[in-house]
């Protein structure tokens, strides 16, 4: 255990500056998102652009592709939070039905199986099924964030918990620490959005500029 901690600390000390920048923007994105601040999407754009390259370098191919998708979603999310909704003042927080959640879970399972098989048989991707799960689940959950679906934070709790050992194994220790922090922020985000959702009947939520 001591050796693992020593190796981790040494690796963090040798972490490329760009990973540190990506982590800083990623944390800023989540903190702003918990407060429904549309500027969070600018932070998401910068962070994911950097991670696209970092994940490719360590052969997490699906995660690299996911971050390309994230860049597009950053633009879409910003547009939805500022100008979406019926009155074009920004989307309000919503909840999904049980049937909608079952459809989402079934879709994630199917896509994970298909891409995991393809990656394991045709590439040298590391952890193809785990990588596939975190990729597809994250892609779908990001759409939920852009639409301000309350339960997105619960999905992130599972995704982040699964991602942590993946990044440790790939020696992305700073990113693993980031995802540990994500677990805490996801809980805060869920509680914050739940409170805002309860208040929407008297004061509709509008994305802040």
N, C-alpha and C. Protein backbone atom coordinates (compact mmCIF):
# COMPACT_ATOMS: atom_id res chain seq x y z
N UNK A 1 0.83 -1.21 0.00
CA UNK A 1 0.00 0.00 0.00
C UNK A 1 0.86 1.26 0.00
N UNK A 2 1.92 1.24 0.86
CA UNK A 2 2.83 2.38 0.93
C UNK A 2 3.52 2.60 -0.40
N UNK A 3 3.90 1.48 -1.05
CA UNK A 3 4.56 1.60 -2.36
C UNK A 3 3.62 2.23 -3.38
N UNK A 4 2.34 1.84 -3.35
CA UNK A 4 1.37 2.38 -4.29
C UNK A 4 1.21 3.89 -4.09
N UNK A 5 1.15 4.31 -2.83
CA UNK A 5 1.02 5.74 -2.54
C UNK A 5 2.25 6.49 -3.00
N UNK A 6 3.44 5.91 -2.77
CA UNK A 6 4.68 6.54 -3.19
C UNK A 6 4.74 6.71 -4.70
N UNK A 7 4.36 5.64 -5.41
CA UNK A 7 4.35 5.69 -6.88
C UNK A 7 3.36 6.74 -7.37
N UNK A 8 2.18 6.77 -6.73
CA UNK A 8 1.15 7.72 -7.13
C UNK A 8 1.62 9.16 -6.94
N UNK A 9 2.24 9.43 -5.77
CA UNK A 9 2.71 10.78 -5.50
C UNK A 9 3.82 11.18 -6.46
N UNK A 10 4.70 10.24 -6.78
CA UNK A 10 5.78 10.52 -7.72
C UNK A 10 5.22 10.82 -9.11
N UNK A 11 4.20 10.06 -9.50
CA UNK A 11 3.58 10.26 -10.81
C UNK A 11 2.85 11.59 -10.89
N UNK A 12 2.19 11.97 -9.79
CA UNK A 12 1.50 13.26 -9.76
C UNK A 12 2.50 14.39 -9.89
N UNK A 13 3.64 14.25 -9.22
CA UNK A 13 4.68 15.27 -9.29
C UNK A 13 5.21 15.43 -10.71
N UNK A 14 5.18 14.31 -11.46
CA UNK A 14 5.67 14.33 -12.84
C UNK A 14 4.55 14.56 -13.86
N UNK A 15 3.36 14.87 -13.36
CA UNK A 15 2.21 15.05 -14.25
C UNK A 15 2.45 16.19 -15.23
N UNK A 16 2.15 15.97 -16.52
CA UNK A 16 2.28 17.06 -17.50
C UNK A 16 1.40 18.24 -17.10
N UNK A 17 1.90 19.44 -17.38
CA UNK A 17 1.17 20.65 -17.00
C UNK A 17 -0.23 20.67 -17.61
N UNK A 18 -0.36 20.11 -18.82
CA UNK A 18 -1.66 20.16 -19.50
C UNK A 18 -2.72 19.37 -18.76
N UNK A 19 -2.32 18.26 -18.11
CA UNK A 19 -3.31 17.51 -17.35
C UNK A 19 -3.80 18.33 -16.17
N UNK A 20 -2.90 19.08 -15.53
CA UNK A 20 -3.29 19.95 -14.44
C UNK A 20 -4.26 21.03 -14.88
N UNK A 21 -4.02 21.59 -16.07
CA UNK A 21 -4.91 22.61 -16.62
C UNK A 21 -6.29 22.01 -16.90
N UNK A 22 -6.29 20.81 -17.49
CA UNK A 22 -7.55 20.13 -17.80
C UNK A 22 -8.35 19.85 -16.54
N UNK A 23 -7.66 19.41 -15.48
CA UNK A 23 -8.32 19.13 -14.21
C UNK A 23 -8.93 20.40 -13.62
N UNK A 24 -8.19 21.51 -13.68
CA UNK A 24 -8.68 22.77 -13.12
C UNK A 24 -9.95 23.22 -13.83
N UNK A 25 -9.95 23.15 -15.16
CA UNK A 25 -11.14 23.53 -15.92
C UNK A 25 -12.30 22.57 -15.65
N UNK A 26 -11.99 21.28 -15.48
CA UNK A 26 -13.04 20.29 -15.22
C UNK A 26 -13.73 20.55 -13.87
N UNK A 27 -12.93 20.88 -12.86
CA UNK A 27 -13.51 21.18 -11.55
C UNK A 27 -14.36 22.45 -11.62
N UNK A 28 -13.84 23.47 -12.33
CA UNK A 28 -14.60 24.72 -12.48
C UNK A 28 -15.92 24.45 -13.19
N UNK A 29 -15.89 23.58 -14.20
CA UNK A 29 -17.12 23.22 -14.92
C UNK A 29 -18.17 22.65 -13.97
N UNK A 30 -17.78 21.68 -13.16
CA UNK A 30 -18.75 21.03 -12.29
C UNK A 30 -19.29 21.96 -11.21
N UNK A 31 -18.40 22.76 -10.63
CA UNK A 31 -18.85 23.69 -9.59
C UNK A 31 -19.86 24.69 -10.15
N UNK A 32 -19.56 25.22 -11.34
CA UNK A 32 -20.50 26.16 -11.97
C UNK A 32 -21.79 25.46 -12.37
N UNK A 33 -21.68 24.19 -12.80
CA UNK A 33 -22.88 23.44 -13.21
C UNK A 33 -23.81 23.22 -12.02
N UNK A 34 -23.26 22.97 -10.84
CA UNK A 34 -24.11 22.76 -9.66
C UNK A 34 -24.93 24.01 -9.35
N UNK A 35 -24.42 25.17 -9.80
CA UNK A 35 -25.10 26.44 -9.55
C UNK A 35 -25.92 26.91 -10.75
N UNK A 36 -25.98 26.06 -11.78
CA UNK A 36 -26.71 26.38 -13.01
C UNK A 36 -26.15 27.62 -13.71
N UNK A 37 -24.84 27.78 -13.69
CA UNK A 37 -24.20 28.91 -14.36
C UNK A 37 -23.75 28.46 -15.74
N UNK A 38 -24.26 29.11 -16.78
CA UNK A 38 -23.99 28.68 -18.16
C UNK A 38 -22.53 28.77 -18.55
N UNK A 39 -21.74 29.58 -17.84
CA UNK A 39 -20.31 29.67 -18.12
C UNK A 39 -19.59 28.35 -17.92
N UNK A 40 -20.23 27.42 -17.24
CA UNK A 40 -19.61 26.10 -17.02
C UNK A 40 -19.24 25.44 -18.33
N UNK A 41 -20.00 25.72 -19.39
CA UNK A 41 -19.76 25.06 -20.67
C UNK A 41 -18.49 25.54 -21.35
N UNK A 42 -18.06 26.77 -21.07
CA UNK A 42 -16.77 27.24 -21.57
C UNK A 42 -15.64 26.42 -20.94
N UNK A 43 -15.75 26.21 -19.63
CA UNK A 43 -14.75 25.39 -18.93
C UNK A 43 -14.74 23.97 -19.46
N UNK A 44 -15.93 23.44 -19.74
CA UNK A 44 -16.03 22.08 -20.28
C UNK A 44 -15.33 21.98 -21.63
N UNK A 45 -15.49 22.99 -22.46
CA UNK A 45 -14.88 22.99 -23.79
C UNK A 45 -13.36 22.92 -23.70
N UNK A 46 -12.77 23.76 -22.86
CA UNK A 46 -11.31 23.80 -22.73
C UNK A 46 -10.78 22.49 -22.13
N UNK A 47 -11.45 21.99 -21.09
CA UNK A 47 -11.00 20.77 -20.43
C UNK A 47 -11.04 19.57 -21.37
N UNK A 48 -12.14 19.41 -22.08
CA UNK A 48 -12.30 18.24 -22.95
C UNK A 48 -11.37 18.27 -24.16
N UNK A 49 -11.04 19.45 -24.63
CA UNK A 49 -10.09 19.55 -25.74
C UNK A 49 -8.73 18.98 -25.33
N UNK A 50 -8.31 19.28 -24.11
CA UNK A 50 -7.04 18.77 -23.61
C UNK A 50 -7.11 17.26 -23.36
N UNK A 51 -8.20 16.81 -22.75
CA UNK A 51 -8.34 15.39 -22.45
C UNK A 51 -8.45 14.52 -23.70
N UNK A 52 -8.93 15.07 -24.78
CA UNK A 52 -8.98 14.32 -26.04
C UNK A 52 -7.59 13.78 -26.40
N UNK A 53 -6.60 14.63 -26.24
CA UNK A 53 -5.21 14.26 -26.56
C UNK A 53 -4.62 13.36 -25.48
N UNK A 54 -4.85 13.70 -24.21
CA UNK A 54 -4.27 12.92 -23.11
C UNK A 54 -4.74 11.46 -23.12
N UNK A 55 -6.04 11.26 -23.33
CA UNK A 55 -6.57 9.89 -23.33
C UNK A 55 -6.08 9.10 -24.54
N UNK A 56 -5.92 9.76 -25.67
CA UNK A 56 -5.41 9.07 -26.86
C UNK A 56 -3.99 8.57 -26.60
N UNK A 57 -3.21 9.38 -25.90
CA UNK A 57 -1.82 9.02 -25.63
C UNK A 57 -1.69 7.78 -24.74
N UNK A 58 -2.69 7.53 -23.87
CA UNK A 58 -2.62 6.36 -22.98
C UNK A 58 -3.53 5.22 -23.46
N UNK A 59 -3.97 5.29 -24.70
CA UNK A 59 -4.74 4.24 -25.36
C UNK A 59 -6.13 4.02 -24.77
N UNK A 60 -6.71 5.03 -24.15
CA UNK A 60 -8.12 4.98 -23.77
C UNK A 60 -8.90 5.59 -24.93
N UNK A 61 -9.04 4.77 -25.97
CA UNK A 61 -9.54 5.28 -27.24
C UNK A 61 -10.98 5.79 -27.16
N UNK A 62 -11.82 5.05 -26.44
CA UNK A 62 -13.21 5.47 -26.31
C UNK A 62 -13.32 6.75 -25.49
N UNK A 63 -12.51 6.88 -24.45
CA UNK A 63 -12.53 8.11 -23.66
C UNK A 63 -12.05 9.30 -24.49
N UNK A 64 -11.08 9.06 -25.37
CA UNK A 64 -10.61 10.13 -26.24
C UNK A 64 -11.73 10.57 -27.19
N UNK A 65 -12.41 9.58 -27.79
CA UNK A 65 -13.53 9.89 -28.68
C UNK A 65 -14.65 10.60 -27.92
N UNK A 66 -14.87 10.18 -26.67
CA UNK A 66 -15.90 10.79 -25.84
C UNK A 66 -15.64 12.28 -25.67
N UNK A 67 -14.39 12.65 -25.49
CA UNK A 67 -14.08 14.05 -25.26
C UNK A 67 -14.25 14.91 -26.51
N UNK A 68 -14.14 14.30 -27.68
CA UNK A 68 -14.50 15.02 -28.91
C UNK A 68 -16.00 15.32 -28.89
N UNK A 69 -16.77 14.33 -28.48
CA UNK A 69 -18.22 14.52 -28.34
C UNK A 69 -18.52 15.60 -27.30
N UNK A 70 -17.78 15.58 -26.18
CA UNK A 70 -17.98 16.57 -25.13
C UNK A 70 -17.81 18.00 -25.66
N UNK A 71 -16.86 18.18 -26.56
CA UNK A 71 -16.64 19.53 -27.10
C UNK A 71 -17.88 20.04 -27.83
N UNK A 72 -18.49 19.15 -28.60
CA UNK A 72 -19.73 19.51 -29.28
C UNK A 72 -20.85 19.76 -28.29
N UNK A 73 -20.91 18.94 -27.24
CA UNK A 73 -21.95 19.09 -26.23
C UNK A 73 -21.77 20.37 -25.41
N UNK A 74 -20.53 20.83 -25.29
CA UNK A 74 -20.30 22.09 -24.57
C UNK A 74 -21.00 23.24 -25.28
N UNK A 75 -20.94 23.22 -26.60
CA UNK A 75 -21.61 24.26 -27.40
C UNK A 75 -23.13 24.11 -27.26
N UNK A 76 -23.61 22.86 -27.38
CA UNK A 76 -25.05 22.60 -27.28
C UNK A 76 -25.58 22.94 -25.88
N UNK A 77 -24.84 22.55 -24.85
CA UNK A 77 -25.27 22.83 -23.49
C UNK A 77 -25.35 24.31 -23.20
N UNK A 78 -24.35 25.06 -23.66
CA UNK A 78 -24.37 26.52 -23.47
C UNK A 78 -25.60 27.14 -24.14
N UNK A 79 -25.89 26.66 -25.36
CA UNK A 79 -27.06 27.20 -26.08
C UNK A 79 -28.36 26.88 -25.36
N UNK A 80 -28.48 25.65 -24.84
CA UNK A 80 -29.69 25.25 -24.14
C UNK A 80 -29.87 26.01 -22.83
N UNK A 81 -28.79 26.19 -22.09
CA UNK A 81 -28.89 26.86 -20.78
C UNK A 81 -29.16 28.35 -20.92
N UNK A 82 -28.74 28.94 -22.02
CA UNK A 82 -28.96 30.38 -22.20
C UNK A 82 -30.20 30.70 -23.00
N UNK A 83 -30.46 29.91 -24.05
CA UNK A 83 -31.53 30.28 -24.98
C UNK A 83 -32.57 29.18 -25.20
N UNK A 84 -32.45 28.05 -24.50
CA UNK A 84 -33.39 26.96 -24.70
C UNK A 84 -34.71 27.18 -23.97
N UNK A 85 -35.59 26.19 -24.09
CA UNK A 85 -36.89 26.30 -23.43
C UNK A 85 -37.91 27.04 -24.26
N UNK A 86 -39.17 26.94 -23.85
CA UNK A 86 -40.27 27.54 -24.60
C UNK A 86 -40.15 29.06 -24.70
N UNK A 87 -39.63 29.68 -23.64
CA UNK A 87 -39.51 31.14 -23.65
C UNK A 87 -38.11 31.62 -24.05
N UNK A 88 -37.24 30.69 -24.43
CA UNK A 88 -35.87 30.99 -24.89
C UNK A 88 -35.04 31.71 -23.83
N UNK A 89 -35.35 31.50 -22.57
CA UNK A 89 -34.57 32.07 -21.48
C UNK A 89 -33.72 31.03 -20.76
N UNK A 90 -33.66 29.84 -21.31
CA UNK A 90 -32.90 28.76 -20.69
C UNK A 90 -33.80 27.65 -20.20
N UNK A 91 -33.32 26.40 -20.33
CA UNK A 91 -34.14 25.26 -19.91
C UNK A 91 -34.23 25.20 -18.39
N UNK A 92 -35.35 24.65 -17.91
CA UNK A 92 -35.56 24.47 -16.47
C UNK A 92 -35.23 23.03 -16.09
N UNK A 93 -34.99 22.78 -14.81
CA UNK A 93 -34.68 21.43 -14.32
C UNK A 93 -35.92 20.54 -14.47
N UNK A 94 -35.69 19.31 -14.97
CA UNK A 94 -36.78 18.35 -15.17
C UNK A 94 -36.41 17.00 -14.56
N UNK A 95 -37.42 16.15 -14.39
CA UNK A 95 -37.21 14.77 -13.96
C UNK A 95 -37.66 13.82 -15.06
N UNK A 96 -37.03 12.63 -15.12
CA UNK A 96 -37.43 11.61 -16.07
C UNK A 96 -38.35 10.59 -15.40
N UNK A 97 -39.15 9.93 -16.21
CA UNK A 97 -40.01 8.87 -15.69
C UNK A 97 -39.21 7.58 -15.52
N UNK A 98 -39.77 6.62 -14.80
CA UNK A 98 -39.09 5.33 -14.61
C UNK A 98 -38.87 4.65 -15.96
N UNK A 99 -39.84 4.74 -16.85
CA UNK A 99 -39.71 4.12 -18.18
C UNK A 99 -38.55 4.74 -18.95
N UNK A 100 -38.41 6.05 -18.87
CA UNK A 100 -37.31 6.73 -19.56
C UNK A 100 -35.96 6.30 -19.00
N UNK A 101 -35.88 6.11 -17.70
CA UNK A 101 -34.63 5.64 -17.10
C UNK A 101 -34.30 4.21 -17.55
N UNK A 102 -35.30 3.36 -17.64
CA UNK A 102 -35.07 1.99 -18.09
C UNK A 102 -34.56 1.98 -19.53
N UNK A 103 -35.10 2.83 -20.37
CA UNK A 103 -34.64 2.93 -21.76
C UNK A 103 -33.19 3.37 -21.82
N UNK A 104 -32.84 4.32 -20.98
CA UNK A 104 -31.46 4.81 -20.94
C UNK A 104 -30.50 3.70 -20.50
N UNK A 105 -30.86 2.99 -19.45
CA UNK A 105 -30.01 1.91 -18.94
C UNK A 105 -29.85 0.79 -19.96
N UNK A 106 -30.95 0.45 -20.65
CA UNK A 106 -30.89 -0.59 -21.68
C UNK A 106 -29.97 -0.14 -22.82
N UNK A 107 -30.07 1.12 -23.21
CA UNK A 107 -29.23 1.65 -24.29
C UNK A 107 -27.76 1.62 -23.92
N UNK A 108 -27.46 2.02 -22.68
CA UNK A 108 -26.06 2.00 -22.23
C UNK A 108 -25.51 0.58 -22.25
N UNK A 109 -26.30 -0.38 -21.76
CA UNK A 109 -25.86 -1.77 -21.74
C UNK A 109 -25.60 -2.31 -23.13
N UNK A 110 -26.49 -2.03 -24.06
CA UNK A 110 -26.34 -2.52 -25.44
C UNK A 110 -25.12 -1.91 -26.12
N UNK A 111 -24.98 -0.59 -26.02
CA UNK A 111 -23.86 0.10 -26.66
C UNK A 111 -22.53 -0.32 -26.05
N UNK A 112 -22.51 -0.53 -24.74
CA UNK A 112 -21.29 -0.99 -24.07
C UNK A 112 -20.86 -2.36 -24.59
N UNK A 113 -21.81 -3.27 -24.73
CA UNK A 113 -21.52 -4.61 -25.21
C UNK A 113 -20.98 -4.59 -26.63
N UNK A 114 -21.63 -3.84 -27.51
CA UNK A 114 -21.22 -3.79 -28.92
C UNK A 114 -19.83 -3.20 -29.07
N UNK A 115 -19.61 -2.00 -28.48
CA UNK A 115 -18.31 -1.35 -28.66
C UNK A 115 -17.21 -2.08 -27.90
N UNK A 116 -17.55 -2.68 -26.75
CA UNK A 116 -16.55 -3.45 -26.01
C UNK A 116 -16.04 -4.63 -26.81
N UNK A 117 -16.96 -5.34 -27.48
CA UNK A 117 -16.56 -6.47 -28.33
C UNK A 117 -15.71 -6.01 -29.50
N UNK A 118 -16.13 -4.92 -30.13
CA UNK A 118 -15.39 -4.41 -31.29
C UNK A 118 -13.98 -3.98 -30.89
N UNK A 119 -13.86 -3.28 -29.77
CA UNK A 119 -12.55 -2.82 -29.32
C UNK A 119 -11.65 -3.99 -28.92
N UNK A 120 -12.21 -4.97 -28.21
CA UNK A 120 -11.40 -6.10 -27.74
C UNK A 120 -10.91 -6.96 -28.89
N UNK A 121 -11.66 -7.02 -29.97
CA UNK A 121 -11.32 -7.88 -31.10
C UNK A 121 -10.49 -7.18 -32.17
N UNK A 122 -10.54 -5.85 -32.22
CA UNK A 122 -9.92 -5.14 -33.34
C UNK A 122 -8.90 -4.07 -32.95
N UNK A 123 -8.71 -3.81 -31.66
CA UNK A 123 -7.76 -2.78 -31.25
C UNK A 123 -6.96 -3.27 -30.05
N UNK A 124 -6.00 -2.43 -29.64
CA UNK A 124 -5.24 -2.73 -28.43
C UNK A 124 -5.72 -1.86 -27.27
N UNK A 125 -6.98 -1.44 -27.33
CA UNK A 125 -7.54 -0.56 -26.30
C UNK A 125 -7.44 -1.20 -24.92
N UNK A 126 -7.12 -0.40 -23.92
CA UNK A 126 -7.06 -0.87 -22.54
C UNK A 126 -8.46 -0.93 -21.95
N UNK A 127 -8.76 -2.00 -21.21
CA UNK A 127 -10.04 -2.15 -20.53
C UNK A 127 -11.22 -1.83 -21.47
N UNK A 128 -11.36 -2.53 -22.58
CA UNK A 128 -12.35 -2.15 -23.61
C UNK A 128 -13.79 -2.05 -23.12
N UNK A 129 -14.22 -2.98 -22.24
CA UNK A 129 -15.62 -2.94 -21.80
C UNK A 129 -15.86 -1.85 -20.76
N UNK A 130 -14.92 -1.67 -19.84
CA UNK A 130 -15.05 -0.61 -18.85
C UNK A 130 -14.96 0.75 -19.54
N UNK A 131 -14.00 0.87 -20.44
CA UNK A 131 -13.84 2.10 -21.22
C UNK A 131 -15.11 2.40 -22.00
N UNK A 132 -15.70 1.37 -22.58
CA UNK A 132 -16.93 1.54 -23.35
C UNK A 132 -18.10 1.97 -22.46
N UNK A 133 -18.20 1.34 -21.28
CA UNK A 133 -19.28 1.70 -20.37
C UNK A 133 -19.18 3.16 -19.95
N UNK A 134 -18.00 3.59 -19.48
CA UNK A 134 -17.86 4.96 -19.03
C UNK A 134 -18.08 5.95 -20.17
N UNK A 135 -17.71 5.54 -21.39
CA UNK A 135 -17.88 6.42 -22.54
C UNK A 135 -19.35 6.62 -22.88
N UNK A 136 -20.08 5.51 -23.09
CA UNK A 136 -21.48 5.63 -23.49
C UNK A 136 -22.34 6.21 -22.37
N UNK A 137 -22.09 5.80 -21.15
CA UNK A 137 -22.86 6.34 -20.03
C UNK A 137 -22.60 7.83 -19.87
N UNK A 138 -21.35 8.24 -20.05
CA UNK A 138 -21.02 9.66 -19.93
C UNK A 138 -21.64 10.48 -21.06
N UNK A 139 -21.62 9.92 -22.27
CA UNK A 139 -22.20 10.63 -23.41
C UNK A 139 -23.69 10.89 -23.19
N UNK A 140 -24.40 9.86 -22.77
CA UNK A 140 -25.84 9.99 -22.56
C UNK A 140 -26.12 10.91 -21.37
N UNK A 141 -25.33 10.79 -20.32
CA UNK A 141 -25.54 11.62 -19.15
C UNK A 141 -25.23 13.08 -19.43
N UNK A 142 -24.27 13.34 -20.30
CA UNK A 142 -23.97 14.72 -20.68
C UNK A 142 -25.15 15.38 -21.38
N UNK A 143 -25.85 14.60 -22.20
CA UNK A 143 -27.08 15.12 -22.82
C UNK A 143 -28.10 15.47 -21.74
N UNK A 144 -28.16 14.63 -20.71
CA UNK A 144 -29.07 14.89 -19.59
C UNK A 144 -28.70 16.19 -18.88
N UNK A 145 -27.39 16.46 -18.74
CA UNK A 145 -26.96 17.71 -18.11
C UNK A 145 -27.40 18.90 -18.97
N UNK A 146 -27.17 18.80 -20.28
CA UNK A 146 -27.54 19.89 -21.19
C UNK A 146 -29.04 20.18 -21.13
N UNK A 147 -29.83 19.13 -20.90
CA UNK A 147 -31.29 19.29 -20.80
C UNK A 147 -31.73 19.58 -19.37
N UNK A 148 -30.78 19.64 -18.45
CA UNK A 148 -31.04 19.87 -17.02
C UNK A 148 -31.97 18.81 -16.43
N UNK A 149 -31.62 17.54 -16.67
CA UNK A 149 -32.35 16.43 -16.04
C UNK A 149 -31.76 16.22 -14.64
N UNK A 150 -32.58 16.33 -13.63
CA UNK A 150 -32.13 16.27 -12.24
C UNK A 150 -31.28 15.05 -11.94
N UNK A 151 -31.72 13.89 -12.41
CA UNK A 151 -31.05 12.64 -12.04
C UNK A 151 -29.69 12.45 -12.70
N UNK A 152 -29.25 13.37 -13.54
CA UNK A 152 -27.94 13.22 -14.17
C UNK A 152 -26.86 13.04 -13.11
N UNK A 153 -27.01 13.70 -11.96
CA UNK A 153 -25.99 13.62 -10.90
C UNK A 153 -25.88 12.21 -10.33
N UNK A 154 -26.99 11.48 -10.28
CA UNK A 154 -26.96 10.11 -9.79
C UNK A 154 -26.22 9.20 -10.77
N UNK A 155 -26.42 9.43 -12.06
CA UNK A 155 -25.69 8.67 -13.08
C UNK A 155 -24.19 8.94 -12.95
N UNK A 156 -23.82 10.22 -12.73
CA UNK A 156 -22.40 10.55 -12.61
C UNK A 156 -21.75 9.87 -11.42
N UNK A 157 -22.50 9.66 -10.35
CA UNK A 157 -21.93 8.96 -9.20
C UNK A 157 -21.43 7.58 -9.58
N UNK A 158 -22.22 6.86 -10.36
CA UNK A 158 -21.83 5.52 -10.80
C UNK A 158 -20.66 5.59 -11.78
N UNK A 159 -20.77 6.48 -12.76
CA UNK A 159 -19.73 6.61 -13.79
C UNK A 159 -18.39 6.98 -13.16
N UNK A 160 -18.40 7.94 -12.26
CA UNK A 160 -17.15 8.39 -11.63
C UNK A 160 -16.52 7.29 -10.79
N UNK A 161 -17.36 6.54 -10.06
CA UNK A 161 -16.85 5.45 -9.22
C UNK A 161 -16.17 4.37 -10.06
N UNK A 162 -16.73 4.08 -11.22
CA UNK A 162 -16.15 3.08 -12.13
C UNK A 162 -14.88 3.61 -12.78
N UNK A 163 -14.84 4.91 -13.06
CA UNK A 163 -13.71 5.50 -13.77
C UNK A 163 -12.44 5.57 -12.94
N UNK A 164 -12.57 5.71 -11.63
CA UNK A 164 -11.40 5.92 -10.78
C UNK A 164 -10.35 4.80 -10.91
N UNK A 165 -10.72 3.51 -10.75
CA UNK A 165 -9.70 2.46 -10.92
C UNK A 165 -9.14 2.38 -12.33
N UNK A 166 -9.95 2.76 -13.31
CA UNK A 166 -9.48 2.77 -14.70
C UNK A 166 -8.32 3.74 -14.88
N UNK A 167 -8.46 4.94 -14.33
CA UNK A 167 -7.42 5.95 -14.48
C UNK A 167 -6.20 5.66 -13.62
N UNK A 168 -6.42 5.02 -12.47
CA UNK A 168 -5.28 4.62 -11.64
C UNK A 168 -4.43 3.60 -12.39
N UNK A 169 -5.08 2.62 -13.03
CA UNK A 169 -4.36 1.59 -13.77
C UNK A 169 -3.58 2.18 -14.95
N UNK A 170 -4.10 3.25 -15.54
CA UNK A 170 -3.42 3.92 -16.66
C UNK A 170 -2.42 4.98 -16.17
N UNK A 171 -2.24 5.06 -14.84
CA UNK A 171 -1.32 5.99 -14.19
C UNK A 171 -1.68 7.45 -14.43
N UNK A 172 -2.97 7.73 -14.60
CA UNK A 172 -3.46 9.10 -14.66
C UNK A 172 -3.95 9.46 -13.25
N UNK A 173 -3.01 9.58 -12.34
CA UNK A 173 -3.35 9.72 -10.93
C UNK A 173 -4.08 11.02 -10.62
N UNK A 174 -3.66 12.10 -11.26
CA UNK A 174 -4.32 13.37 -11.01
C UNK A 174 -5.78 13.33 -11.47
N UNK A 175 -6.00 12.66 -12.59
CA UNK A 175 -7.36 12.51 -13.09
C UNK A 175 -8.18 11.61 -12.17
N UNK A 176 -7.56 10.59 -11.60
CA UNK A 176 -8.25 9.72 -10.64
C UNK A 176 -8.68 10.52 -9.41
N UNK A 177 -7.80 11.41 -8.95
CA UNK A 177 -8.14 12.27 -7.82
C UNK A 177 -9.28 13.21 -8.20
N UNK A 178 -9.23 13.71 -9.44
CA UNK A 178 -10.31 14.57 -9.94
C UNK A 178 -11.65 13.86 -9.87
N UNK A 179 -11.68 12.61 -10.31
CA UNK A 179 -12.94 11.86 -10.31
C UNK A 179 -13.41 11.51 -8.90
N UNK A 180 -12.47 11.42 -7.98
CA UNK A 180 -12.86 11.24 -6.58
C UNK A 180 -13.56 12.50 -6.08
N UNK A 181 -13.02 13.65 -6.46
CA UNK A 181 -13.67 14.91 -6.10
C UNK A 181 -15.03 15.03 -6.78
N UNK A 182 -15.13 14.48 -8.01
CA UNK A 182 -16.40 14.49 -8.73
C UNK A 182 -17.52 13.81 -7.92
N UNK A 183 -17.15 12.74 -7.20
CA UNK A 183 -18.16 12.03 -6.41
C UNK A 183 -18.81 12.96 -5.40
N UNK A 184 -17.99 13.76 -4.74
CA UNK A 184 -18.50 14.71 -3.75
C UNK A 184 -19.33 15.80 -4.42
N UNK A 185 -18.80 16.33 -5.53
CA UNK A 185 -19.50 17.41 -6.23
C UNK A 185 -20.83 16.92 -6.80
N UNK A 186 -20.87 15.66 -7.23
CA UNK A 186 -22.12 15.11 -7.77
C UNK A 186 -23.21 15.07 -6.71
N UNK A 187 -22.83 14.71 -5.48
CA UNK A 187 -23.81 14.71 -4.38
C UNK A 187 -24.31 16.13 -4.13
N UNK A 188 -23.38 17.08 -4.09
CA UNK A 188 -23.74 18.48 -3.88
C UNK A 188 -24.64 18.97 -5.01
N UNK A 189 -24.28 18.59 -6.25
CA UNK A 189 -25.07 19.01 -7.41
C UNK A 189 -26.48 18.48 -7.36
N UNK A 190 -26.62 17.21 -6.97
CA UNK A 190 -27.96 16.61 -6.89
C UNK A 190 -28.82 17.31 -5.84
N UNK A 191 -28.26 17.54 -4.67
CA UNK A 191 -29.02 18.20 -3.61
C UNK A 191 -29.38 19.63 -3.99
N UNK A 192 -28.44 20.32 -4.64
CA UNK A 192 -28.70 21.69 -5.05
C UNK A 192 -29.79 21.77 -6.11
N UNK A 193 -29.69 20.90 -7.13
CA UNK A 193 -30.69 20.91 -8.19
C UNK A 193 -32.06 20.44 -7.68
N UNK A 194 -32.06 19.51 -6.74
CA UNK A 194 -33.32 19.04 -6.17
C UNK A 194 -34.04 20.18 -5.46
N UNK A 195 -33.27 20.98 -4.75
CA UNK A 195 -33.86 22.14 -4.06
C UNK A 195 -34.38 23.16 -5.07
N UNK A 196 -33.61 23.41 -6.12
CA UNK A 196 -34.04 24.36 -7.14
C UNK A 196 -35.27 23.86 -7.88
N UNK A 197 -35.33 22.55 -8.11
CA UNK A 197 -36.48 21.95 -8.79
C UNK A 197 -37.76 22.17 -7.97
N UNK A 198 -37.63 22.03 -6.66
CA UNK A 198 -38.78 22.21 -5.78
C UNK A 198 -39.28 23.65 -5.79
N UNK A 199 -38.38 24.59 -6.07
CA UNK A 199 -38.75 26.01 -6.07
C UNK A 199 -39.29 26.50 -7.41
N UNK A 200 -39.15 25.67 -8.45
CA UNK A 200 -39.51 26.13 -9.79
C UNK A 200 -41.00 26.43 -9.97
N UNK A 201 -41.85 25.83 -9.14
CA UNK A 201 -43.28 26.07 -9.29
C UNK A 201 -43.63 27.52 -8.99
N UNK A 202 -42.82 28.18 -8.17
CA UNK A 202 -43.09 29.59 -7.86
C UNK A 202 -42.11 30.53 -8.54
N UNK A 203 -40.89 30.03 -8.80
CA UNK A 203 -39.87 30.87 -9.45
C UNK A 203 -39.08 30.02 -10.42
N UNK A 204 -39.48 29.97 -11.72
CA UNK A 204 -38.81 29.13 -12.71
C UNK A 204 -37.32 29.40 -12.77
N UNK A 205 -36.57 28.29 -12.93
CA UNK A 205 -35.11 28.40 -12.99
C UNK A 205 -34.68 28.90 -14.35
N UNK A 206 -33.80 29.92 -14.35
CA UNK A 206 -33.24 30.46 -15.58
C UNK A 206 -31.73 30.39 -15.50
N UNK A 207 -31.10 29.91 -16.55
CA UNK A 207 -29.65 29.77 -16.54
C UNK A 207 -29.02 31.15 -16.40
N UNK A 208 -28.07 31.27 -15.46
CA UNK A 208 -27.38 32.53 -15.24
C UNK A 208 -26.36 32.77 -16.34
N UNK A 209 -26.14 34.02 -16.64
CA UNK A 209 -25.13 34.39 -17.63
C UNK A 209 -23.76 34.41 -16.98
